[in-house]
């Protein structure tokens, strides 16, 4: 499940996931999405490890 967090003044939206349990630890995935003419630029980060999962655009 993804939850909207905030929309910044210049357009990017920040959303976060529910708590995910991986390898005995809890994490949350944070997504940054910016609308473009062809869709979205995105970046995904896992917290609390700060590992970047995906970046496009």
PDB file of N, CA and C in Angstrom:
ATOM      1  N   UNK A   1       0.844  -1.164   0.000  1.00  0.00           N
ATOM      2  CA  UNK A   1       0.000   0.000   0.000  1.00  0.00           C
ATOM      3  C   UNK A   1       0.899   1.239   0.000  1.00  0.00           C
ATOM      4  N   UNK A   2       0.558   2.204  -0.817  1.00  0.00           N
ATOM      5  CA  UNK A   2       1.310   3.447  -0.913  1.00  0.00           C
ATOM      6  C   UNK A   2       0.440   4.588  -0.365  1.00  0.00           C
ATOM      7  N   UNK A   3       1.057   5.443   0.444  1.00  0.00           N
ATOM      8  CA  UNK A   3       0.338   6.552   1.066  1.00  0.00           C
ATOM      9  C   UNK A   3       0.913   7.888   0.609  1.00  0.00           C
ATOM     10  N   UNK A   4       0.077   8.822   0.146  1.00  0.00           N
ATOM     11  CA  UNK A   4       0.580  10.147  -0.224  1.00  0.00           C
ATOM     12  C   UNK A   4       1.088  10.873   1.014  1.00  0.00           C
ATOM     13  N   UNK A   5       2.216  11.543   0.866  1.00  0.00           N
ATOM     14  CA  UNK A   5       2.775  12.298   1.987  1.00  0.00           C
ATOM     15  C   UNK A   5       2.647  13.794   1.738  1.00  0.00           C
ATOM     16  N   UNK A   6       3.210  14.277   0.612  1.00  0.00           N
ATOM     17  CA  UNK A   6       3.083  15.696   0.298  1.00  0.00           C
ATOM     18  C   UNK A   6       3.374  15.943  -1.172  1.00  0.00           C
ATOM     19  N   UNK A   7       2.844  17.063  -1.672  1.00  0.00           N
ATOM     20  CA  UNK A   7       3.149  17.541  -3.016  1.00  0.00           C
ATOM     21  C   UNK A   7       3.868  18.873  -2.847  1.00  0.00           C
ATOM     22  N   UNK A   8       5.074  18.959  -3.405  1.00  0.00           N
ATOM     23  CA  UNK A   8       5.861  20.188  -3.297  1.00  0.00           C
ATOM     24  C   UNK A   8       5.334  21.246  -4.257  1.00  0.00           C
ATOM     25  N   UNK A   9       5.635  22.491  -3.988  1.00  0.00           N
ATOM     26  CA  UNK A   9       5.121  23.621  -4.760  1.00  0.00           C
ATOM     27  C   UNK A   9       5.457  23.503  -6.247  1.00  0.00           C
ATOM     28  N   UNK A  10       6.648  23.009  -6.578  1.00  0.00           N
ATOM     29  CA  UNK A  10       7.050  22.923  -7.983  1.00  0.00           C
ATOM     30  C   UNK A  10       6.650  21.603  -8.654  1.00  0.00           C
ATOM     31  N   UNK A  11       5.810  20.775  -8.001  1.00  0.00           N
ATOM     32  CA  UNK A  11       5.222  19.620  -8.656  1.00  0.00           C
ATOM     33  C   UNK A  11       5.582  18.238  -8.153  1.00  0.00           C
ATOM     34  N   UNK A  12       6.800  17.978  -7.652  1.00  0.00           N
ATOM     35  CA  UNK A  12       7.116  16.620  -7.215  1.00  0.00           C
ATOM     36  C   UNK A  12       6.213  16.166  -6.067  1.00  0.00           C
ATOM     37  N   UNK A  13       5.894  14.865  -6.079  1.00  0.00           N
ATOM     38  CA  UNK A  13       5.071  14.278  -5.029  1.00  0.00           C
ATOM     39  C   UNK A  13       5.911  13.264  -4.266  1.00  0.00           C
ATOM     40  N   UNK A  14       5.727  13.224  -2.953  1.00  0.00           N
ATOM     41  CA  UNK A  14       6.423  12.267  -2.107  1.00  0.00           C
ATOM     42  C   UNK A  14       5.379  11.335  -1.521  1.00  0.00           C
ATOM     43  N   UNK A  15       5.605  10.030  -1.688  1.00  0.00           N
ATOM     44  CA  UNK A  15       4.697   9.022  -1.150  1.00  0.00           C
ATOM     45  C   UNK A  15       5.527   7.993  -0.387  1.00  0.00           C
ATOM     46  N   UNK A  16       4.880   7.272   0.530  1.00  0.00           N
ATOM     47  CA  UNK A  16       5.595   6.248   1.278  1.00  0.00           C
ATOM     48  C   UNK A  16       4.760   4.982   1.381  1.00  0.00           C
ATOM     49  N   UNK A  17       5.428   3.876   1.669  1.00  0.00           N
ATOM     50  CA  UNK A  17       4.764   2.580   1.758  1.00  0.00           C
ATOM     51  C   UNK A  17       4.396   2.273   3.204  1.00  0.00           C
ATOM     52  N   UNK A  18       3.676   1.182   3.362  1.00  0.00           N
ATOM     53  CA  UNK A  18       3.432   0.642   4.697  1.00  0.00           C
ATOM     54  C   UNK A  18       4.756   0.064   5.207  1.00  0.00           C
ATOM     55  N   UNK A  19       4.808  -0.365   6.441  1.00  0.00           N
ATOM     56  CA  UNK A  19       6.028  -0.969   6.992  1.00  0.00           C
ATOM     57  C   UNK A  19       6.217  -2.338   6.351  1.00  0.00           C
ATOM     58  N   UNK A  20       7.410  -2.540   5.802  1.00  0.00           N
ATOM     59  CA  UNK A  20       7.750  -3.790   5.123  1.00  0.00           C
ATOM     60  C   UNK A  20       8.750  -4.535   5.996  1.00  0.00           C
ATOM     61  N   UNK A  21       8.528  -5.834   6.203  1.00  0.00           N
ATOM     62  CA  UNK A  21       9.465  -6.645   6.978  1.00  0.00           C
ATOM     63  C   UNK A  21      10.323  -7.435   6.005  1.00  0.00           C
ATOM     64  N   UNK A  22      11.640  -7.189   6.037  1.00  0.00           N
ATOM     65  CA  UNK A  22      12.602  -7.878   5.188  1.00  0.00           C
ATOM     66  C   UNK A  22      13.745  -8.404   6.036  1.00  0.00           C
ATOM     67  N   UNK A  23      14.025  -9.678   5.918  1.00  0.00           N
ATOM     68  CA  UNK A  23      15.161 -10.288   6.634  1.00  0.00           C
ATOM     69  C   UNK A  23      15.145  -9.967   8.121  1.00  0.00           C
ATOM     70  N   UNK A  24      13.981  -9.971   8.726  1.00  0.00           N
ATOM     71  CA  UNK A  24      13.858  -9.716  10.154  1.00  0.00           C
ATOM     72  C   UNK A  24      13.920  -8.254  10.562  1.00  0.00           C
ATOM     73  N   UNK A  25      14.009  -7.342   9.586  1.00  0.00           N
ATOM     74  CA  UNK A  25      14.066  -5.911   9.884  1.00  0.00           C
ATOM     75  C   UNK A  25      12.872  -5.199   9.250  1.00  0.00           C
ATOM     76  N   UNK A  26      12.509  -4.071   9.801  1.00  0.00           N
ATOM     77  CA  UNK A  26      11.419  -3.270   9.262  1.00  0.00           C
ATOM     78  C   UNK A  26      11.975  -2.127   8.428  1.00  0.00           C
ATOM     79  N   UNK A  27      11.308  -1.836   7.307  1.00  0.00           N
ATOM     80  CA  UNK A  27      11.721  -0.703   6.488  1.00  0.00           C
ATOM     81  C   UNK A  27      10.487  -0.074   5.846  1.00  0.00           C
ATOM     82  N   UNK A  28      10.670   1.111   5.321  1.00  0.00           N
ATOM     83  CA  UNK A  28       9.636   1.847   4.604  1.00  0.00           C
ATOM     84  C   UNK A  28      10.245   2.309   3.290  1.00  0.00           C
ATOM     85  N   UNK A  29       9.504   2.187   2.203  1.00  0.00           N
ATOM     86  CA  UNK A  29       9.981   2.674   0.914  1.00  0.00           C
ATOM     87  C   UNK A  29       9.389   4.056   0.669  1.00  0.00           C
ATOM     88  N   UNK A  30      10.266   5.014   0.354  1.00  0.00           N
ATOM     89  CA  UNK A  30       9.837   6.381   0.058  1.00  0.00           C
ATOM     90  C   UNK A  30      10.049   6.617  -1.432  1.00  0.00           C
ATOM     91  N   UNK A  31       9.041   7.162  -2.097  1.00  0.00           N
ATOM     92  CA  UNK A  31       9.118   7.411  -3.533  1.00  0.00           C
ATOM     93  C   UNK A  31       8.951   8.896  -3.810  1.00  0.00           C
ATOM     94  N   UNK A  32       9.795   9.386  -4.701  1.00  0.00           N
ATOM     95  CA  UNK A  32       9.709  10.765  -5.166  1.00  0.00           C
ATOM     96  C   UNK A  32       9.294  10.703  -6.630  1.00  0.00           C
ATOM     97  N   UNK A  33       8.201  11.357  -6.984  1.00  0.00           N
ATOM     98  CA  UNK A  33       7.677  11.312  -8.350  1.00  0.00           C
ATOM     99  C   UNK A  33       7.488  12.733  -8.866  1.00  0.00           C
ATOM    100  N   UNK A  34       8.007  12.983 -10.076  1.00  0.00           N
ATOM    101  CA  UNK A  34       7.873  14.308 -10.688  1.00  0.00           C
ATOM    102  C   UNK A  34       7.233  14.125 -12.061  1.00  0.00           C
ATOM    103  N   UNK A  35       6.088  14.781 -12.302  1.00  0.00           N
ATOM    104  CA  UNK A  35       5.437  14.637 -13.609  1.00  0.00           C
ATOM    105  C   UNK A  35       6.285  15.236 -14.731  1.00  0.00           C
ATOM    106  N   UNK A  36       6.311  14.553 -15.879  1.00  0.00           N
ATOM    107  CA  UNK A  36       6.988  15.033 -17.081  1.00  0.00           C
ATOM    108  C   UNK A  36       6.022  14.906 -18.253  1.00  0.00           C
ATOM    109  N   UNK A  37       6.434  15.344 -19.422  1.00  0.00           N
ATOM    110  CA  UNK A  37       5.581  15.221 -20.613  1.00  0.00           C
ATOM    111  C   UNK A  37       5.344  13.764 -20.994  1.00  0.00           C
ATOM    112  N   UNK A  38       6.307  12.887 -20.680  1.00  0.00           N
ATOM    113  CA  UNK A  38       6.212  11.477 -21.063  1.00  0.00           C
ATOM    114  C   UNK A  38       5.815  10.552 -19.928  1.00  0.00           C
ATOM    115  N   UNK A  39       5.459  11.068 -18.771  1.00  0.00           N
ATOM    116  CA  UNK A  39       5.107  10.236 -17.627  1.00  0.00           C
ATOM    117  C   UNK A  39       5.637  10.835 -16.339  1.00  0.00           C
ATOM    118  N   UNK A  40       6.589  10.126 -15.702  1.00  0.00           N
ATOM    119  CA  UNK A  40       7.128  10.581 -14.429  1.00  0.00           C
ATOM    120  C   UNK A  40       8.621  10.305 -14.348  1.00  0.00           C
ATOM    121  N   UNK A  41       9.357  11.176 -13.668  1.00  0.00           N
ATOM    122  CA  UNK A  41      10.699  10.881 -13.182  1.00  0.00           C
ATOM    123  C   UNK A  41      10.490  10.334 -11.783  1.00  0.00           C
ATOM    124  N   UNK A  42      11.205   9.270 -11.429  1.00  0.00           N
ATOM    125  CA  UNK A  42      11.005   8.669 -10.110  1.00  0.00           C
ATOM    126  C   UNK A  42      12.330   8.357  -9.437  1.00  0.00           C
ATOM    127  N   UNK A  43      12.295   8.321  -8.118  1.00  0.00           N
ATOM    128  CA  UNK A  43      13.407   7.857  -7.298  1.00  0.00           C
ATOM    129  C   UNK A  43      12.793   7.136  -6.106  1.00  0.00           C
ATOM    130  N   UNK A  44      13.364   5.975  -5.786  1.00  0.00           N
ATOM    131  CA  UNK A  44      12.878   5.186  -4.649  1.00  0.00           C
ATOM    132  C   UNK A  44      14.017   4.955  -3.670  1.00  0.00           C
ATOM    133  N   UNK A  45      13.694   5.099  -2.395  1.00  0.00           N
ATOM    134  CA  UNK A  45      14.684   4.940  -1.333  1.00  0.00           C
ATOM    135  C   UNK A  45      14.085   4.079  -0.228  1.00  0.00           C
ATOM    136  N   UNK A  46      14.902   3.212   0.348  1.00  0.00           N
ATOM    137  CA  UNK A  46      14.471   2.396   1.470  1.00  0.00           C
ATOM    138  C   UNK A  46      15.009   3.003   2.758  1.00  0.00           C
ATOM    139  N   UNK A  47      14.135   3.215   3.723  1.00  0.00           N
ATOM    140  CA  UNK A  47      14.537   3.751   5.024  1.00  0.00           C
ATOM    141  C   UNK A  47      14.338   2.684   6.087  1.00  0.00           C
ATOM    142  N   UNK A  48      15.150   2.548   7.063  1.00  0.00           N
ATOM    143  CA  UNK A  48      16.177   3.465   7.533  1.00  0.00           C
ATOM    144  C   UNK A  48      17.560   3.236   6.928  1.00  0.00           C
ATOM    145  N   UNK A  49      17.719   2.343   5.948  1.00  0.00           N
ATOM    146  CA  UNK A  49      19.055   2.055   5.399  1.00  0.00           C
ATOM    147  C   UNK A  49      19.536   3.085   4.396  1.00  0.00           C
ATOM    148  N   UNK A  50      18.653   3.929   3.873  1.00  0.00           N
ATOM    149  CA  UNK A  50      18.986   4.948   2.856  1.00  0.00           C
ATOM    150  C   UNK A  50      19.564   4.333   1.589  1.00  0.00           C
ATOM    151  N   UNK A  51      19.101   3.139   1.247  1.00  0.00           N
ATOM    152  CA  UNK A  51      19.533   2.491   0.000  1.00  0.00           C
ATOM    153  C   UNK A  51      18.610   2.940  -1.124  1.00  0.00           C
ATOM    154  N   UNK A  52      19.194   3.471  -2.204  1.00  0.00           N
ATOM    155  CA  UNK A  52      18.413   3.882  -3.351  1.00  0.00           C
ATOM    156  C   UNK A  52      18.077   2.650  -4.181  1.00  0.00           C
ATOM    157  N   UNK A  53      16.783   2.393  -4.375  1.00  0.00           N
ATOM    158  CA  UNK A  53      16.308   1.194  -5.045  1.00  0.00           C
ATOM    159  C   UNK A  53      16.232   1.416  -6.557  1.00  0.00           C
ATOM    160  N   UNK A  54      15.737   2.581  -6.972  1.00  0.00           N
ATOM    161  CA  UNK A  54      15.519   2.822  -8.382  1.00  0.00           C
ATOM    162  C   UNK A  54      15.550   4.321  -8.649  1.00  0.00           C
ATOM    163  N   UNK A  55      16.110   4.697  -9.813  1.00  0.00           N
ATOM    164  CA  UNK A  55      16.110   6.102 -10.240  1.00  0.00           C
ATOM    165  C   UNK A  55      15.889   6.126 -11.738  1.00  0.00           C
ATOM    166  N   UNK A  56      14.919   6.882 -12.180  1.00  0.00           N
ATOM    167  CA  UNK A  56      14.647   7.065 -13.611  1.00  0.00           C
ATOM    168  C   UNK A  56      14.318   8.525 -13.868  1.00  0.00           C
ATOM    169  N   UNK A  57      15.034   9.138 -14.797  1.00  0.00           N
ATOM    170  CA  UNK A  57      14.738  10.507 -15.167  1.00  0.00           C
ATOM    171  C   UNK A  57      15.610  11.516 -14.486  1.00  0.00           C
TER     172      UNK A  57
END
